[in-house]
Each structure stands twice: as C-alpha cells, then as structure tokens.
Amino acid sequence: MDLNYNKQVEELLKNKQSRLEKQIAELKEMVIPEGLDSAVGRVSRMDAINNRSVNEAALRKKIVHLKSIESALRDINNPDFGKCIKCGKMIQKERVMLMPESKVCVDCAG
C-alpha cells in the first residue's frame, strides 16, 4: 500500500481510537453501582440496575473494538497490513476506509 493511503488509514484509526476512549470513559462512569443508602425507590433502583447492565455490555463491546483499533495501529506499517488473514488477498480499499481495523476482505467476512 502507498504511504499516503497508510497515513489516511492511520488518521482514521486514531480518530476512532479517540472517540472510543471518550465513550469508554463515559460508560465507566455510568456503570458505577448506586450505593444502597441512596434515596431512590425500589422501582428506580431496578431501573438503574437494568440500565447499568446494558451499559456494561456496551462498555465490553467498546473495549473489544478499541483493542482491535490499537492492534491495527500497531500493524499499520507492517507490509502485510491490509491483507486478508483468510485468503491473503488485499482487502478492498473501501472496506479498509470504512473499517480500518478489519482483518478480512468482504468475501471472507460473508
């Protein structure tokens, strides 16, 4: 891949990384458990528990996504960056620009 293309992909990855880090920080705040001594009713407490559960799932998903972004950033200067790990062909540029952390081409992903 050419140097300009790699710089574009690296910039996309860094932007995604920054957004994910902010979202993860926000979600971490949202999953802090309510203290038992807080003055909320039983229904409100059940609602908070449910919301926390949803936010914990979102947090786990974002952390996994961030790890894939960080991995792609480490590999960006590797000569095999952009090659499908299944078939070995180059991943379509459009796919890389949309999902720079992708390690498989469209054909192998389907």
N, C-alpha and C. Protein backbone atom coordinates (compact mmCIF):
# COMPACT_ATOMS: atom_id res chain seq x y z
N MET A 1 0.85 -1.18 0.00
CA MET A 1 0.00 0.00 0.00
C MET A 1 0.89 1.24 0.00
N ASP A 2 0.37 2.31 -0.56
CA ASP A 2 1.20 3.50 -0.64
C ASP A 2 1.18 4.27 0.68
N LEU A 3 2.19 5.10 0.85
CA LEU A 3 2.40 5.83 2.10
C LEU A 3 1.23 6.77 2.42
N ASN A 4 0.71 7.46 1.41
CA ASN A 4 -0.41 8.38 1.60
C ASN A 4 -1.65 7.64 2.10
N TYR A 5 -1.89 6.48 1.49
CA TYR A 5 -3.03 5.65 1.89
C TYR A 5 -2.89 5.21 3.34
N ASN A 6 -1.70 4.76 3.72
CA ASN A 6 -1.46 4.34 5.10
C ASN A 6 -1.67 5.50 6.07
N LYS A 7 -1.26 6.71 5.68
CA LYS A 7 -1.46 7.88 6.55
C LYS A 7 -2.95 8.16 6.73
N GLN A 8 -3.73 8.03 5.65
CA GLN A 8 -5.18 8.23 5.74
C GLN A 8 -5.80 7.21 6.70
N VAL A 9 -5.40 5.96 6.54
CA VAL A 9 -5.93 4.89 7.40
C VAL A 9 -5.50 5.12 8.84
N GLU A 10 -4.25 5.52 9.04
CA GLU A 10 -3.77 5.78 10.40
C GLU A 10 -4.56 6.92 11.05
N GLU A 11 -4.86 7.95 10.28
CA GLU A 11 -5.65 9.07 10.81
C GLU A 11 -7.07 8.60 11.19
N LEU A 12 -7.67 7.78 10.34
CA LEU A 12 -9.00 7.22 10.66
C LEU A 12 -8.94 6.41 11.95
N LEU A 13 -7.92 5.57 12.06
CA LEU A 13 -7.78 4.73 13.25
C LEU A 13 -7.61 5.59 14.50
N LYS A 14 -6.80 6.61 14.42
CA LYS A 14 -6.57 7.47 15.59
C LYS A 14 -7.84 8.22 15.98
N ASN A 15 -8.62 8.65 14.99
CA ASN A 15 -9.90 9.31 15.28
C ASN A 15 -10.86 8.34 15.96
N LYS A 16 -10.94 7.11 15.44
CA LYS A 16 -11.80 6.10 16.07
C LYS A 16 -11.33 5.80 17.48
N GLN A 17 -10.01 5.69 17.66
CA GLN A 17 -9.44 5.41 18.97
C GLN A 17 -9.83 6.50 19.96
N SER A 18 -9.70 7.74 19.55
CA SER A 18 -10.03 8.87 20.42
C SER A 18 -11.51 8.85 20.81
N ARG A 19 -12.39 8.64 19.82
CA ARG A 19 -13.84 8.58 20.12
C ARG A 19 -14.16 7.43 21.07
N LEU A 20 -13.56 6.27 20.82
CA LEU A 20 -13.83 5.12 21.67
C LEU A 20 -13.34 5.35 23.09
N GLU A 21 -12.18 5.96 23.25
CA GLU A 21 -11.66 6.23 24.59
C GLU A 21 -12.60 7.15 25.37
N LYS A 22 -13.17 8.15 24.69
CA LYS A 22 -14.13 9.05 25.34
C LYS A 22 -15.40 8.29 25.71
N GLN A 23 -15.91 7.46 24.78
CA GLN A 23 -17.13 6.70 25.05
C GLN A 23 -16.91 5.72 26.19
N ILE A 24 -15.74 5.10 26.24
CA ILE A 24 -15.43 4.15 27.31
C ILE A 24 -15.39 4.87 28.65
N ALA A 25 -14.78 6.05 28.69
CA ALA A 25 -14.73 6.82 29.94
C ALA A 25 -16.14 7.17 30.41
N GLU A 26 -17.00 7.58 29.48
CA GLU A 26 -18.38 7.90 29.84
C GLU A 26 -19.13 6.68 30.36
N LEU A 27 -18.95 5.55 29.68
CA LEU A 27 -19.63 4.32 30.10
C LEU A 27 -19.13 3.85 31.46
N LYS A 28 -17.85 4.01 31.73
CA LYS A 28 -17.30 3.61 33.03
C LYS A 28 -17.97 4.40 34.15
N GLU A 29 -18.26 5.67 33.88
CA GLU A 29 -18.96 6.49 34.87
C GLU A 29 -20.39 5.98 35.07
N MET A 30 -21.00 5.52 33.99
CA MET A 30 -22.40 5.10 34.04
C MET A 30 -22.60 3.74 34.70
N VAL A 31 -21.53 2.94 34.82
CA VAL A 31 -21.70 1.60 35.39
C VAL A 31 -21.29 1.54 36.86
N ILE A 32 -20.95 2.67 37.43
CA ILE A 32 -20.64 2.69 38.86
C ILE A 32 -21.93 2.39 39.61
N PRO A 33 -21.91 1.36 40.47
CA PRO A 33 -23.14 0.99 41.18
C PRO A 33 -23.62 2.08 42.13
N GLU A 34 -24.93 2.16 42.24
CA GLU A 34 -25.55 3.08 43.20
C GLU A 34 -25.32 2.52 44.60
N GLY A 35 -25.07 3.40 45.53
CA GLY A 35 -24.93 2.97 46.91
C GLY A 35 -26.28 2.53 47.48
N LEU A 36 -26.26 1.58 48.37
CA LEU A 36 -27.51 1.08 48.96
C LEU A 36 -28.20 2.14 49.81
N ASP A 37 -27.43 3.13 50.25
CA ASP A 37 -28.02 4.16 51.09
C ASP A 37 -28.57 5.34 50.29
N SER A 38 -28.50 5.27 48.94
CA SER A 38 -29.03 6.38 48.14
C SER A 38 -30.56 6.37 48.22
N ALA A 39 -31.13 7.54 48.15
CA ALA A 39 -32.56 7.70 48.36
C ALA A 39 -33.33 7.54 47.05
N VAL A 40 -33.40 6.31 46.56
CA VAL A 40 -34.22 6.02 45.38
C VAL A 40 -35.18 4.90 45.74
N GLY A 41 -36.30 4.89 45.05
CA GLY A 41 -37.28 3.85 45.32
C GLY A 41 -36.86 2.52 44.71
N ARG A 42 -37.60 1.48 45.06
CA ARG A 42 -37.29 0.13 44.59
C ARG A 42 -37.37 0.04 43.07
N VAL A 43 -38.39 0.64 42.45
CA VAL A 43 -38.54 0.60 41.00
C VAL A 43 -37.40 1.35 40.33
N SER A 44 -37.05 2.49 40.88
CA SER A 44 -35.95 3.27 40.33
C SER A 44 -34.64 2.50 40.46
N ARG A 45 -34.45 1.80 41.56
CA ARG A 45 -33.24 1.02 41.76
C ARG A 45 -33.18 -0.13 40.75
N MET A 46 -34.31 -0.76 40.48
CA MET A 46 -34.37 -1.85 39.48
C MET A 46 -34.06 -1.29 38.09
N ASP A 47 -34.59 -0.12 37.81
CA ASP A 47 -34.31 0.56 36.54
C ASP A 47 -32.81 0.84 36.41
N ALA A 48 -32.21 1.32 37.48
CA ALA A 48 -30.78 1.63 37.47
C ALA A 48 -29.95 0.38 37.26
N ILE A 49 -30.35 -0.72 37.88
CA ILE A 49 -29.63 -1.99 37.71
C ILE A 49 -29.72 -2.45 36.26
N ASN A 50 -30.92 -2.35 35.68
CA ASN A 50 -31.11 -2.73 34.28
C ASN A 50 -30.27 -1.86 33.35
N ASN A 51 -30.31 -0.55 33.57
CA ASN A 51 -29.53 0.37 32.75
C ASN A 51 -28.03 0.10 32.88
N ARG A 52 -27.59 -0.18 34.10
CA ARG A 52 -26.18 -0.48 34.32
C ARG A 52 -25.77 -1.74 33.56
N SER A 53 -26.64 -2.72 33.53
CA SER A 53 -26.36 -3.96 32.81
C SER A 53 -26.20 -3.70 31.31
N VAL A 54 -27.08 -2.89 30.76
CA VAL A 54 -27.00 -2.53 29.34
C VAL A 54 -25.70 -1.76 29.07
N ASN A 55 -25.37 -0.83 29.96
CA ASN A 55 -24.16 -0.03 29.80
C ASN A 55 -22.90 -0.88 29.95
N GLU A 56 -22.93 -1.88 30.85
CA GLU A 56 -21.78 -2.77 31.00
C GLU A 56 -21.54 -3.58 29.73
N ALA A 57 -22.61 -4.03 29.08
CA ALA A 57 -22.47 -4.76 27.82
C ALA A 57 -21.89 -3.85 26.73
N ALA A 58 -22.37 -2.62 26.68
CA ALA A 58 -21.85 -1.65 25.70
C ALA A 58 -20.38 -1.36 25.98
N LEU A 59 -20.03 -1.24 27.25
CA LEU A 59 -18.64 -0.99 27.64
C LEU A 59 -17.73 -2.13 27.18
N ARG A 60 -18.14 -3.37 27.42
CA ARG A 60 -17.34 -4.52 27.00
C ARG A 60 -17.12 -4.51 25.48
N LYS A 61 -18.18 -4.21 24.74
CA LYS A 61 -18.10 -4.18 23.27
C LYS A 61 -17.14 -3.08 22.80
N LYS A 62 -17.22 -1.91 23.42
CA LYS A 62 -16.35 -0.79 23.05
C LYS A 62 -14.88 -1.12 23.37
N ILE A 63 -14.64 -1.79 24.48
CA ILE A 63 -13.27 -2.16 24.85
C ILE A 63 -12.68 -3.13 23.82
N VAL A 64 -13.48 -4.11 23.39
CA VAL A 64 -13.02 -5.05 22.36
C VAL A 64 -12.71 -4.29 21.06
N HIS A 65 -13.60 -3.38 20.69
CA HIS A 65 -13.39 -2.59 19.47
C HIS A 65 -12.13 -1.75 19.59
N LEU A 66 -11.90 -1.13 20.74
CA LEU A 66 -10.70 -0.33 20.95
C LEU A 66 -9.44 -1.18 20.81
N LYS A 67 -9.48 -2.40 21.33
CA LYS A 67 -8.31 -3.29 21.20
C LYS A 67 -8.02 -3.62 19.74
N SER A 68 -9.06 -3.78 18.93
CA SER A 68 -8.84 -4.07 17.51
C SER A 68 -8.26 -2.84 16.80
N ILE A 69 -8.69 -1.65 17.20
CA ILE A 69 -8.15 -0.41 16.64
C ILE A 69 -6.67 -0.29 17.03
N GLU A 70 -6.36 -0.53 18.28
CA GLU A 70 -4.97 -0.44 18.74
C GLU A 70 -4.08 -1.45 18.03
N SER A 71 -4.60 -2.64 17.79
CA SER A 71 -3.87 -3.66 17.06
C SER A 71 -3.58 -3.20 15.63
N ALA A 72 -4.59 -2.63 14.98
CA ALA A 72 -4.41 -2.13 13.62
C ALA A 72 -3.37 -1.00 13.59
N LEU A 73 -3.38 -0.14 14.58
CA LEU A 73 -2.39 0.95 14.63
C LEU A 73 -0.97 0.39 14.78
N ARG A 74 -0.82 -0.68 15.56
CA ARG A 74 0.50 -1.29 15.72
C ARG A 74 0.97 -1.92 14.40
N ASP A 75 0.01 -2.45 13.61
CA ASP A 75 0.35 -3.18 12.39
C ASP A 75 0.38 -2.33 11.13
N ILE A 76 0.05 -1.06 11.23
CA ILE A 76 -0.15 -0.25 10.02
C ILE A 76 1.08 -0.18 9.12
N ASN A 77 2.27 -0.25 9.69
CA ASN A 77 3.48 -0.18 8.86
C ASN A 77 4.01 -1.55 8.47
N ASN A 78 3.30 -2.58 8.88
CA ASN A 78 3.65 -3.95 8.50
C ASN A 78 3.33 -4.13 7.02
N PRO A 79 4.21 -4.76 6.24
CA PRO A 79 3.93 -4.95 4.82
C PRO A 79 2.66 -5.76 4.54
N ASP A 80 2.23 -6.56 5.51
CA ASP A 80 1.01 -7.36 5.32
C ASP A 80 -0.25 -6.62 5.75
N PHE A 81 -0.11 -5.37 6.23
CA PHE A 81 -1.29 -4.62 6.64
C PHE A 81 -2.21 -4.44 5.43
N GLY A 82 -3.48 -4.73 5.62
CA GLY A 82 -4.45 -4.60 4.53
C GLY A 82 -4.66 -5.88 3.76
N LYS A 83 -3.93 -6.95 4.14
CA LYS A 83 -4.14 -8.24 3.50
C LYS A 83 -5.10 -9.06 4.36
N CYS A 84 -5.98 -9.77 3.69
CA CYS A 84 -6.96 -10.63 4.37
C CYS A 84 -6.22 -11.78 5.05
N ILE A 85 -6.53 -12.02 6.32
CA ILE A 85 -5.86 -13.08 7.05
C ILE A 85 -6.38 -14.47 6.65
N LYS A 86 -7.49 -14.50 5.91
CA LYS A 86 -8.04 -15.80 5.47
C LYS A 86 -7.53 -16.19 4.09
N CYS A 87 -7.67 -15.28 3.11
CA CYS A 87 -7.33 -15.64 1.73
C CYS A 87 -6.01 -15.03 1.24
N GLY A 88 -5.49 -14.04 1.97
CA GLY A 88 -4.23 -13.43 1.60
C GLY A 88 -4.32 -12.33 0.57
N LYS A 89 -5.51 -12.09 0.03
CA LYS A 89 -5.68 -11.01 -0.96
C LYS A 89 -5.79 -9.68 -0.23
N MET A 90 -5.54 -8.60 -0.98
CA MET A 90 -5.66 -7.27 -0.39
C MET A 90 -7.14 -6.98 -0.09
N ILE A 91 -7.39 -6.43 1.08
CA ILE A 91 -8.74 -6.02 1.45
C ILE A 91 -9.09 -4.79 0.62
N GLN A 92 -10.32 -4.74 0.15
CA GLN A 92 -10.76 -3.63 -0.68
C GLN A 92 -10.54 -2.31 0.06
N LYS A 93 -10.03 -1.31 -0.67
CA LYS A 93 -9.73 -0.01 -0.05
C LYS A 93 -10.96 0.60 0.60
N GLU A 94 -12.11 0.43 -0.04
CA GLU A 94 -13.35 0.98 0.52
C GLU A 94 -13.64 0.38 1.89
N ARG A 95 -13.40 -0.93 2.02
CA ARG A 95 -13.64 -1.61 3.29
C ARG A 95 -12.65 -1.12 4.35
N VAL A 96 -11.40 -0.98 3.97
CA VAL A 96 -10.39 -0.50 4.91
C VAL A 96 -10.72 0.92 5.36
N MET A 97 -11.19 1.75 4.42
CA MET A 97 -11.52 3.12 4.79
C MET A 97 -12.75 3.18 5.70
N LEU A 98 -13.66 2.24 5.55
CA LEU A 98 -14.85 2.18 6.39
C LEU A 98 -14.55 1.52 7.73
N MET A 99 -13.79 0.42 7.67
CA MET A 99 -13.45 -0.36 8.86
C MET A 99 -11.95 -0.64 8.85
N PRO A 100 -11.13 0.35 9.19
CA PRO A 100 -9.68 0.17 9.09
C PRO A 100 -9.13 -0.94 9.98
N GLU A 101 -9.89 -1.35 10.97
CA GLU A 101 -9.43 -2.42 11.86
C GLU A 101 -9.74 -3.81 11.31
N SER A 102 -10.44 -3.87 10.17
CA SER A 102 -10.84 -5.15 9.59
C SER A 102 -9.62 -5.95 9.16
N LYS A 103 -9.67 -7.25 9.41
CA LYS A 103 -8.55 -8.12 9.04
C LYS A 103 -8.94 -9.11 7.95
N VAL A 104 -10.21 -9.03 7.49
CA VAL A 104 -10.66 -9.92 6.42
C VAL A 104 -11.35 -9.12 5.33
N CYS A 105 -11.28 -9.63 4.11
CA CYS A 105 -11.94 -8.97 2.99
C CYS A 105 -13.45 -9.24 3.04
N VAL A 106 -14.18 -8.58 2.16
CA VAL A 106 -15.63 -8.72 2.13
C VAL A 106 -16.03 -10.16 1.83
N ASP A 107 -15.34 -10.79 0.88
CA ASP A 107 -15.69 -12.17 0.52
C ASP A 107 -15.51 -13.12 1.70
N CYS A 108 -14.43 -12.98 2.43
CA CYS A 108 -14.17 -13.88 3.56
C CYS A 108 -15.02 -13.54 4.79
N ALA A 109 -15.46 -12.29 4.89
CA ALA A 109 -16.30 -11.88 6.01
C ALA A 109 -17.71 -12.43 5.89
N GLY A 110 -18.15 -12.67 4.65
CA GLY A 110 -19.52 -13.11 4.41
C GLY A 110 -19.70 -14.53 4.63
